[in-house]
Amino acid sequence: MPHCLLAVNAGSATLKFRAYRADGETLLLSGMVDRFGSRDEVLLLQDAKGVRLLEKSLPGGSREEAVGAMLNALADHKVHITAVAHRVVHGGASLSAPVYIDDDVRHTLEGLIALAPLHQPVSLSVIDAFTSLDPGLKQIACFDTAFHTTQPPLAQRFGIARHWHDEGVRRYGFHGLSFASIVRRFPEIGLSDSRVVVCHLGSGSSACAIANSRSVAASTGFSAVDGLMMSTRPGSLDPEVLLYWMEHEGMGVPEVRRELYKNSGLLGVSGLSADVRVLLASQTVEAREAVDLFCYLTAREVASLACAMKGMDALVFTAGIGEHSPEVRARVVQQLSWLGFELDHAANLAQARCITTPASRLKAFRLQTDEEGEMARLASALLHA
């Protein structure tokens, strides 16, 4: 039974996982617990080639039981876990590299719940589940915010009183593990020394300006709500809207947070669905407007991030929508044609890696993100340091 490294990516509705050999490179098994934390959880497991090995309904309700079922399924397939790498959305100002999770680190992560109220509690609950099941297991936290610590001071600051910045109210940036995994691919397409905007478009969306393979600026800021419009989050929003809701609609903090995280974005504008595929198939005016707004705001953010780099050489699409929706990619690239992009419609429809023509002054690419693989590589490096 090989000793393996498990990369765990806990979301609000799914628990994704991949088991690697100790080198952090060789994938053995992957899977997920769908509807994680609900009463109708389903455990899925597949081999390195994507062949389904297991689909099993779980009793649901307990994160510890779901984690236990996952470990049992891996053990049944001769995979013994000796370390776990966790995706943790927020590392704050002090945690900027992968770290072993001990009591002090866990306490620090708990103190950051206010900065990531949707994601941080889920990560902590999964960490606690592993601790309860195997107290001696090495656990490593890998942070979405870490990639953005290379940003210049101005890119991290809001126009508010200095003492708030000093107390941690600043721009952090998110989806860093995804962006880092894309940067690892830059040498393949000649972008290592280039100015690139990467658009991570999925249920949660953000964009990042990357110059010389380092984060320069990001659309997200203090929280993962800011920046691009998302499936159920609005993106950038005048803060007076929140005050209006509270003062004139009588909404409290929980109601405002629900509106921001659950009722806005593609779902809120369309009134139909948070799924781009459903909206593109719909004939309603509201559905079309939701997709139009998503693409318009994405293109506008790309142009803003190009300004942060004083120009750009390439655009990269990744994540669920970015990788799988030719229509969204086409709309964004065409809105940016004035910058020098010329879309290759056939390549885009064929899901090619490069989706612009040979004559295009600027290049646009479609690349697959690999957050779990990035976590495994980072954790392996720490384990072997």
Protein backbone atom coordinates (compact mmCIF):
# COMPACT_ATOMS: atom_id res chain seq x y z
CA MET A 1 0.00 0.00 0.00
CA PRO A 2 1.79 3.18 -1.20
CA HIS A 3 2.20 6.19 1.08
CA CYS A 4 0.31 9.02 -0.52
CA LEU A 5 -0.43 12.71 -0.33
CA LEU A 6 -4.07 13.76 -0.41
CA ALA A 7 -5.05 17.18 -1.81
CA VAL A 8 -8.44 18.31 -0.49
CA ASN A 9 -10.46 21.19 -1.90
CA ALA A 10 -13.48 21.86 0.31
CA GLY A 11 -16.25 24.05 -1.07
CA SER A 12 -19.67 25.02 0.19
CA ALA A 13 -21.33 22.14 -1.71
CA THR A 14 -18.51 19.78 -2.75
CA LEU A 15 -15.43 18.15 -1.28
CA LYS A 16 -12.99 17.46 -4.12
CA PHE A 17 -9.93 15.31 -3.49
CA ARG A 18 -6.99 13.80 -5.34
CA ALA A 19 -4.50 11.23 -4.09
CA TYR A 20 -0.92 11.53 -5.32
CA ARG A 21 2.27 9.63 -4.70
CA ALA A 22 4.63 11.34 -2.27
CA ASP A 23 6.27 13.25 -5.15
CA GLY A 24 3.11 15.34 -5.48
CA GLU A 25 3.10 14.72 -9.24
CA THR A 26 1.83 11.18 -9.89
CA LEU A 27 -1.96 11.04 -9.66
CA LEU A 28 -3.41 7.79 -8.31
CA LEU A 29 -7.10 8.40 -7.61
CA SER A 30 -9.47 11.35 -7.58
CA GLY A 31 -13.03 11.97 -6.54
CA MET A 32 -15.47 14.13 -4.68
CA VAL A 33 -18.23 14.16 -2.13
CA ASP A 34 -21.07 15.89 -3.95
CA ARG A 35 -23.65 17.87 -1.97
CA PHE A 36 -21.12 17.91 0.86
CA GLY A 37 -22.71 18.49 4.26
CA SER A 38 -26.26 17.78 3.09
CA ARG A 39 -28.51 14.80 3.73
CA ASP A 40 -28.06 13.35 0.24
CA GLU A 41 -24.28 13.24 -0.13
CA VAL A 42 -22.75 11.10 -2.86
CA LEU A 43 -19.17 9.81 -2.84
CA LEU A 44 -17.56 9.47 -6.26
CA LEU A 45 -14.17 7.87 -6.94
CA GLN A 46 -12.25 7.38 -10.19
CA ASP A 47 -8.81 6.25 -11.25
CA ALA A 48 -6.08 8.40 -12.80
CA LYS A 49 -7.58 7.88 -16.27
CA GLY A 50 -11.04 9.01 -15.18
CA VAL A 51 -12.62 5.55 -15.03
CA ARG A 52 -15.39 5.45 -12.42
CA LEU A 53 -14.56 3.10 -9.56
CA LEU A 54 -17.24 3.97 -7.04
CA GLU A 55 -20.49 5.88 -6.67
CA LYS A 56 -21.97 5.59 -3.22
CA SER A 57 -24.74 7.40 -1.36
CA LEU A 58 -23.77 8.55 2.14
CA PRO A 59 -26.01 9.11 5.18
CA GLY A 60 -25.09 12.81 5.08
CA GLY A 61 -25.14 15.55 7.64
CA SER A 62 -21.75 14.99 9.28
CA ARG A 63 -18.57 16.26 7.62
CA GLU A 64 -16.55 13.83 9.75
CA GLU A 65 -18.57 10.87 8.43
CA ALA A 66 -18.05 12.07 4.85
CA VAL A 67 -14.29 12.40 5.37
CA GLY A 68 -14.24 8.95 6.99
CA ALA A 69 -16.09 7.43 4.05
CA MET A 70 -13.61 9.04 1.67
CA LEU A 71 -10.62 7.64 3.58
CA ASN A 72 -12.20 4.19 3.72
CA ALA A 73 -12.83 4.23 -0.03
CA LEU A 74 -9.20 5.20 -0.69
CA ALA A 75 -7.96 2.46 1.66
CA ASP A 76 -10.18 -0.09 -0.12
CA HIS A 77 -8.27 0.80 -3.28
CA LYS A 78 -4.88 0.34 -1.57
CA VAL A 79 -4.16 4.05 -1.01
CA HIS A 80 -2.78 4.93 2.43
CA ILE A 81 -2.76 8.65 3.22
CA THR A 82 0.23 9.99 5.18
CA ALA A 83 -0.36 13.74 4.67
CA VAL A 84 -3.22 16.01 3.63
CA ALA A 85 -2.97 19.34 1.80
CA HIS A 86 -5.96 21.63 2.30
CA ARG A 87 -7.03 24.51 0.13
CA VAL A 88 -7.64 27.38 2.56
CA VAL A 89 -9.13 30.49 0.99
CA HIS A 90 -7.74 33.07 3.40
CA GLY A 91 -4.31 33.20 5.02
CA GLY A 92 -4.56 36.84 6.06
CA ALA A 93 -1.46 39.02 6.20
CA SER A 94 0.68 36.59 8.17
CA LEU A 95 0.28 33.24 6.35
CA SER A 96 1.80 33.58 2.89
CA ALA A 97 3.26 30.11 2.26
CA PRO A 98 2.18 26.50 2.90
CA VAL A 99 2.38 25.61 6.59
CA TYR A 100 1.81 22.59 8.81
CA ILE A 101 -1.46 22.97 10.69
CA ASP A 102 -0.95 23.01 14.45
CA ASP A 103 -3.04 24.57 17.22
CA ASP A 104 -1.56 28.03 16.63
CA VAL A 105 -2.16 27.95 12.87
CA ARG A 106 -5.69 26.68 13.36
CA HIS A 107 -6.36 29.50 15.82
CA THR A 108 -5.09 32.01 13.26
CA LEU A 109 -7.31 30.53 10.55
CA GLU A 110 -10.33 30.70 12.84
CA GLY A 111 -9.59 34.37 13.42
CA LEU A 112 -9.91 34.96 9.67
CA ILE A 113 -13.50 33.67 9.40
CA ALA A 114 -14.79 37.24 9.24
CA LEU A 115 -12.74 37.77 6.07
CA ALA A 116 -14.05 34.62 4.33
CA PRO A 117 -17.35 33.72 6.04
CA LEU A 118 -18.51 31.37 3.28
CA HIS A 119 -15.33 29.34 2.80
CA GLN A 120 -13.17 29.46 5.93
CA PRO A 121 -15.59 27.61 8.27
CA VAL A 122 -15.90 24.74 5.79
CA SER A 123 -12.12 24.37 5.53
CA LEU A 124 -11.81 24.36 9.31
CA SER A 125 -14.54 21.74 9.67
CA VAL A 126 -12.69 19.45 7.23
CA ILE A 127 -9.37 20.01 9.02
CA ASP A 128 -11.08 19.16 12.30
CA ALA A 129 -12.63 16.02 10.79
CA PHE A 130 -9.21 14.72 9.72
CA THR A 131 -7.78 15.58 13.16
CA SER A 132 -10.58 13.69 14.88
CA LEU A 133 -10.17 10.62 12.68
CA ASP A 134 -6.36 10.56 12.73
CA PRO A 135 -4.75 12.96 15.23
CA GLY A 136 -1.23 12.07 14.07
CA LEU A 137 -1.85 12.81 10.39
CA LYS A 138 0.26 15.61 8.92
CA GLN A 139 -2.00 18.38 7.63
CA ILE A 140 -0.81 21.28 5.49
CA ALA A 141 -2.64 24.49 4.64
CA CYS A 142 -2.16 25.99 1.16
CA PHE A 143 -3.58 29.49 0.75
CA ASP A 144 -5.46 31.14 -2.10
CA THR A 145 -4.22 34.52 -0.92
CA ALA A 146 -0.51 33.58 -0.94
CA PHE A 147 0.00 34.01 -4.70
CA HIS A 148 -0.97 37.67 -4.48
CA THR A 149 1.54 38.71 -1.81
CA THR A 150 3.87 39.80 -4.63
CA GLN A 151 1.57 42.70 -5.51
CA PRO A 152 3.00 46.20 -4.97
CA PRO A 153 1.74 48.09 -1.88
CA LEU A 154 -0.56 50.37 -3.87
CA ALA A 155 -2.40 47.39 -5.35
CA GLN A 156 -3.14 46.11 -1.84
CA ARG A 157 -4.57 49.34 -0.44
CA PHE A 158 -8.11 50.76 -0.26
CA GLY A 159 -8.77 54.50 -0.11
CA ILE A 160 -9.69 54.38 3.58
CA ALA A 161 -8.05 55.59 6.79
CA ARG A 162 -4.56 54.14 7.28
CA HIS A 163 -5.38 52.50 10.58
CA TRP A 164 -7.91 50.21 8.87
CA HIS A 165 -5.26 49.03 6.43
CA ASP A 166 -2.87 48.45 9.32
CA GLU A 167 -5.58 46.37 11.02
CA GLY A 168 -5.94 44.12 7.97
CA VAL A 169 -8.62 45.79 5.86
CA ARG A 170 -6.78 45.56 2.56
CA ARG A 171 -6.88 43.87 -0.82
CA TYR A 172 -5.79 40.23 -0.57
CA GLY A 173 -6.86 38.59 -3.85
CA PHE A 174 -8.16 35.03 -4.21
CA HIS A 175 -8.06 31.96 -6.51
CA GLY A 176 -4.29 32.10 -6.06
CA LEU A 177 -3.82 28.33 -6.28
CA SER A 178 -5.58 28.34 -9.64
CA PHE A 179 -3.48 31.24 -10.92
CA ALA A 180 -0.29 29.59 -9.67
CA SER A 181 -1.17 26.38 -11.52
CA ILE A 182 -1.69 28.38 -14.72
CA VAL A 183 1.63 30.20 -14.32
CA ARG A 184 3.33 26.79 -14.21
CA ARG A 185 2.06 26.32 -17.77
CA PHE A 186 3.42 29.65 -19.05
CA PRO A 187 6.74 28.22 -20.31
CA GLU A 188 4.81 25.88 -22.63
CA ILE A 189 3.25 28.85 -24.47
CA GLY A 190 6.07 31.35 -24.17
CA LEU A 191 4.49 33.62 -21.56
CA SER A 192 6.98 33.39 -18.67
CA ASP A 193 8.19 36.98 -19.14
CA SER A 194 4.93 38.40 -20.49
CA ARG A 195 2.10 40.57 -19.21
CA VAL A 196 -0.92 38.27 -18.93
CA VAL A 197 -4.45 38.62 -17.60
CA VAL A 198 -5.82 35.29 -16.39
CA CYS A 199 -9.59 34.98 -16.03
CA HIS A 200 -10.69 32.27 -13.60
CA LEU A 201 -14.37 32.06 -14.57
CA GLY A 202 -16.50 29.63 -12.62
CA SER A 203 -19.03 29.58 -9.82
CA GLY A 204 -16.64 32.00 -8.17
CA SER A 205 -14.81 34.21 -10.64
CA SER A 206 -11.83 36.51 -10.57
CA ALA A 207 -9.12 37.88 -12.82
CA CYS A 208 -5.45 38.51 -12.15
CA ALA A 209 -2.81 40.67 -13.81
CA ILE A 210 0.40 38.61 -13.95
CA ALA A 211 3.67 40.20 -15.09
CA ASN A 212 6.84 38.10 -15.31
CA SER A 213 4.88 35.23 -13.71
CA ARG A 214 4.05 37.26 -10.58
CA SER A 215 0.71 38.69 -9.40
CA VAL A 216 0.55 42.45 -9.95
CA ALA A 217 -3.15 43.11 -9.28
CA ALA A 218 -6.37 41.14 -8.87
CA SER A 219 -10.08 41.80 -9.27
CA THR A 220 -10.90 40.39 -5.84
CA GLY A 221 -9.97 42.37 -2.75
CA PHE A 222 -10.83 42.12 0.94
CA SER A 223 -13.20 39.25 0.18
CA ALA A 224 -14.08 36.87 -2.62
CA VAL A 225 -17.24 38.90 -3.34
CA ASP A 226 -15.42 41.78 -5.01
CA GLY A 227 -14.47 42.13 -8.66
CA LEU A 228 -16.14 40.07 -11.36
CA MET A 229 -19.81 39.13 -11.39
CA MET A 230 -20.18 35.46 -10.45
CA SER A 231 -22.80 32.73 -10.37
CA THR A 232 -24.56 34.04 -7.26
CA ARG A 233 -22.32 36.97 -6.19
CA PRO A 234 -22.55 40.49 -7.65
CA GLY A 235 -18.88 41.39 -7.89
CA SER A 236 -18.00 45.06 -7.45
CA LEU A 237 -20.89 46.88 -5.83
CA ASP A 238 -21.32 50.43 -4.60
CA PRO A 239 -21.23 50.08 -0.77
CA GLU A 240 -24.10 52.54 -0.55
CA VAL A 241 -26.31 49.73 -1.92
CA LEU A 242 -25.64 47.78 1.28
CA LEU A 243 -26.46 50.81 3.42
CA TYR A 244 -29.65 51.31 1.42
CA TRP A 245 -30.73 47.73 2.09
CA MET A 246 -30.03 48.12 5.79
CA GLU A 247 -31.53 51.59 6.28
CA HIS A 248 -34.53 51.46 3.95
CA GLU A 249 -35.32 47.75 3.63
CA GLY A 250 -34.64 46.80 7.25
CA MET A 251 -32.15 44.08 6.30
CA GLY A 252 -29.69 42.89 8.92
CA VAL A 253 -26.19 41.58 8.35
CA PRO A 254 -27.31 37.96 7.74
CA GLU A 255 -29.86 39.09 5.14
CA VAL A 256 -27.33 41.34 3.39
CA ARG A 257 -24.74 38.56 3.35
CA ARG A 258 -27.30 36.14 1.90
CA GLU A 259 -28.11 38.67 -0.82
CA LEU A 260 -24.42 39.10 -1.65
CA TYR A 261 -23.44 35.43 -1.61
CA LYS A 262 -26.58 33.56 -2.66
CA ASN A 263 -29.08 35.79 -4.50
CA SER A 264 -27.02 37.94 -6.86
CA GLY A 265 -24.84 37.40 -9.93
CA LEU A 266 -26.10 35.32 -12.83
CA LEU A 267 -28.90 33.90 -10.71
CA GLY A 268 -30.06 37.27 -9.45
CA VAL A 269 -30.01 39.04 -12.81
CA SER A 270 -31.61 36.18 -14.74
CA GLY A 271 -34.08 35.09 -12.07
CA LEU A 272 -33.65 31.66 -13.63
CA SER A 273 -30.32 29.96 -12.94
CA ALA A 274 -26.72 30.42 -11.82
CA ASP A 275 -25.57 28.03 -14.56
CA VAL A 276 -24.27 29.71 -17.74
CA ARG A 277 -25.26 26.65 -19.79
CA VAL A 278 -28.90 27.00 -18.75
CA LEU A 279 -28.87 30.73 -19.44
CA LEU A 280 -27.32 30.37 -22.89
CA ALA A 281 -30.00 27.83 -23.79
CA SER A 282 -32.79 30.08 -22.55
CA GLN A 283 -34.69 32.50 -24.79
CA THR A 284 -35.72 34.88 -22.02
CA VAL A 285 -34.56 38.50 -22.08
CA GLU A 286 -33.41 38.20 -18.47
CA ALA A 287 -31.20 35.19 -19.19
CA ARG A 288 -29.58 36.92 -22.17
CA GLU A 289 -28.99 40.04 -20.12
CA ALA A 290 -27.34 38.06 -17.32
CA VAL A 291 -24.81 36.51 -19.72
CA ASP A 292 -24.28 39.82 -21.50
CA LEU A 293 -23.54 41.52 -18.19
CA PHE A 294 -21.18 38.74 -17.09
CA CYS A 295 -19.15 39.06 -20.32
CA TYR A 296 -19.22 42.86 -20.33
CA LEU A 297 -17.94 43.12 -16.76
CA THR A 298 -15.27 40.50 -17.43
CA ALA A 299 -13.99 42.40 -20.48
CA ARG A 300 -14.02 45.67 -18.55
CA GLU A 301 -12.00 44.11 -15.72
CA VAL A 302 -9.45 42.70 -18.17
CA ALA A 303 -8.88 46.19 -19.56
CA SER A 304 -8.49 47.57 -16.04
CA LEU A 305 -5.91 44.93 -15.15
CA ALA A 306 -4.02 45.64 -18.37
CA CYS A 307 -3.74 49.21 -17.13
CA ALA A 308 -2.15 47.93 -13.90
CA MET A 309 0.59 46.31 -16.01
CA LYS A 310 0.86 49.25 -18.47
CA GLY A 311 -0.22 46.93 -21.25
CA MET A 312 -0.77 43.25 -21.91
CA ASP A 313 0.49 40.51 -24.19
CA ALA A 314 -1.99 37.70 -23.65
CA LEU A 315 -5.27 36.61 -22.09
CA VAL A 316 -5.93 33.21 -20.50
CA PHE A 317 -9.31 31.65 -19.69
CA THR A 318 -9.58 28.92 -17.08
CA ALA A 319 -11.98 27.23 -14.58
CA GLY A 320 -15.45 25.83 -15.28
CA ILE A 321 -16.89 28.58 -17.49
CA GLY A 322 -13.56 29.75 -18.86
CA GLU A 323 -12.56 26.26 -19.96
CA HIS A 324 -15.91 24.97 -21.21
CA SER A 325 -17.93 27.90 -22.62
CA PRO A 326 -16.86 28.95 -26.13
CA GLU A 327 -19.70 31.48 -26.20
CA VAL A 328 -18.48 33.35 -23.10
CA ARG A 329 -14.86 33.31 -24.33
CA ALA A 330 -15.94 34.61 -27.73
CA ARG A 331 -17.94 37.48 -26.28
CA VAL A 332 -15.14 38.57 -23.99
CA VAL A 333 -12.44 38.39 -26.67
CA GLN A 334 -14.59 40.23 -29.21
CA GLN A 335 -15.28 43.03 -26.74
CA LEU A 336 -11.51 43.35 -26.36
CA SER A 337 -10.76 43.31 -30.10
CA TRP A 338 -9.73 46.97 -29.93
CA LEU A 339 -6.72 45.86 -27.86
CA GLY A 340 -5.50 43.64 -30.67
CA PHE A 341 -7.32 40.31 -30.19
CA GLU A 342 -8.61 38.49 -33.28
CA LEU A 343 -10.71 35.46 -32.36
CA ASP A 344 -10.24 32.19 -34.24
CA HIS A 345 -13.85 31.00 -34.15
CA ALA A 346 -13.08 27.43 -35.25
CA ALA A 347 -10.30 27.01 -32.68
CA ASN A 348 -12.49 28.46 -29.96
CA LEU A 349 -15.38 26.10 -30.76
CA ALA A 350 -12.94 23.17 -30.88
CA GLN A 351 -11.75 24.01 -27.34
CA ALA A 352 -8.20 24.53 -28.64
CA ARG A 353 -5.43 25.82 -26.42
CA CYS A 354 -4.91 28.98 -28.47
CA ILE A 355 -8.18 30.61 -29.55
CA THR A 356 -6.85 33.59 -31.54
CA THR A 357 -5.69 33.66 -35.14
CA PRO A 358 -2.01 33.55 -36.17
CA ALA A 359 -2.38 37.19 -37.27
CA SER A 360 -3.77 38.33 -33.89
CA ARG A 361 -1.48 40.91 -32.27
CA LEU A 362 -2.41 39.65 -28.80
CA LYS A 363 -2.98 35.99 -28.01
CA ALA A 364 -5.80 34.38 -26.03
CA PHE A 365 -5.57 30.89 -24.56
CA ARG A 366 -7.73 28.30 -22.87
CA LEU A 367 -5.89 26.36 -20.15
CA GLN A 368 -7.10 23.84 -17.59
CA THR A 369 -6.65 24.88 -13.98
CA ASP A 370 -5.22 22.41 -11.50
CA GLU A 371 -5.72 23.65 -7.95
CA GLU A 372 -5.37 20.22 -6.37
CA GLY A 373 -2.19 19.51 -8.34
CA GLU A 374 -0.74 22.84 -7.25
CA MET A 375 -1.55 22.02 -3.62
CA ALA A 376 0.09 18.60 -3.95
CA ARG A 377 3.27 20.10 -5.39
CA LEU A 378 3.46 22.77 -2.69
CA ALA A 379 2.80 20.26 0.10
CA SER A 380 5.33 17.80 -1.28
CA ALA A 381 7.98 20.51 -1.33
CA LEU A 382 7.25 21.31 2.31
CA LEU A 383 7.30 17.67 3.33
CA HIS A 384 10.68 17.15 1.67
CA ALA A 385 12.24 20.44 2.77
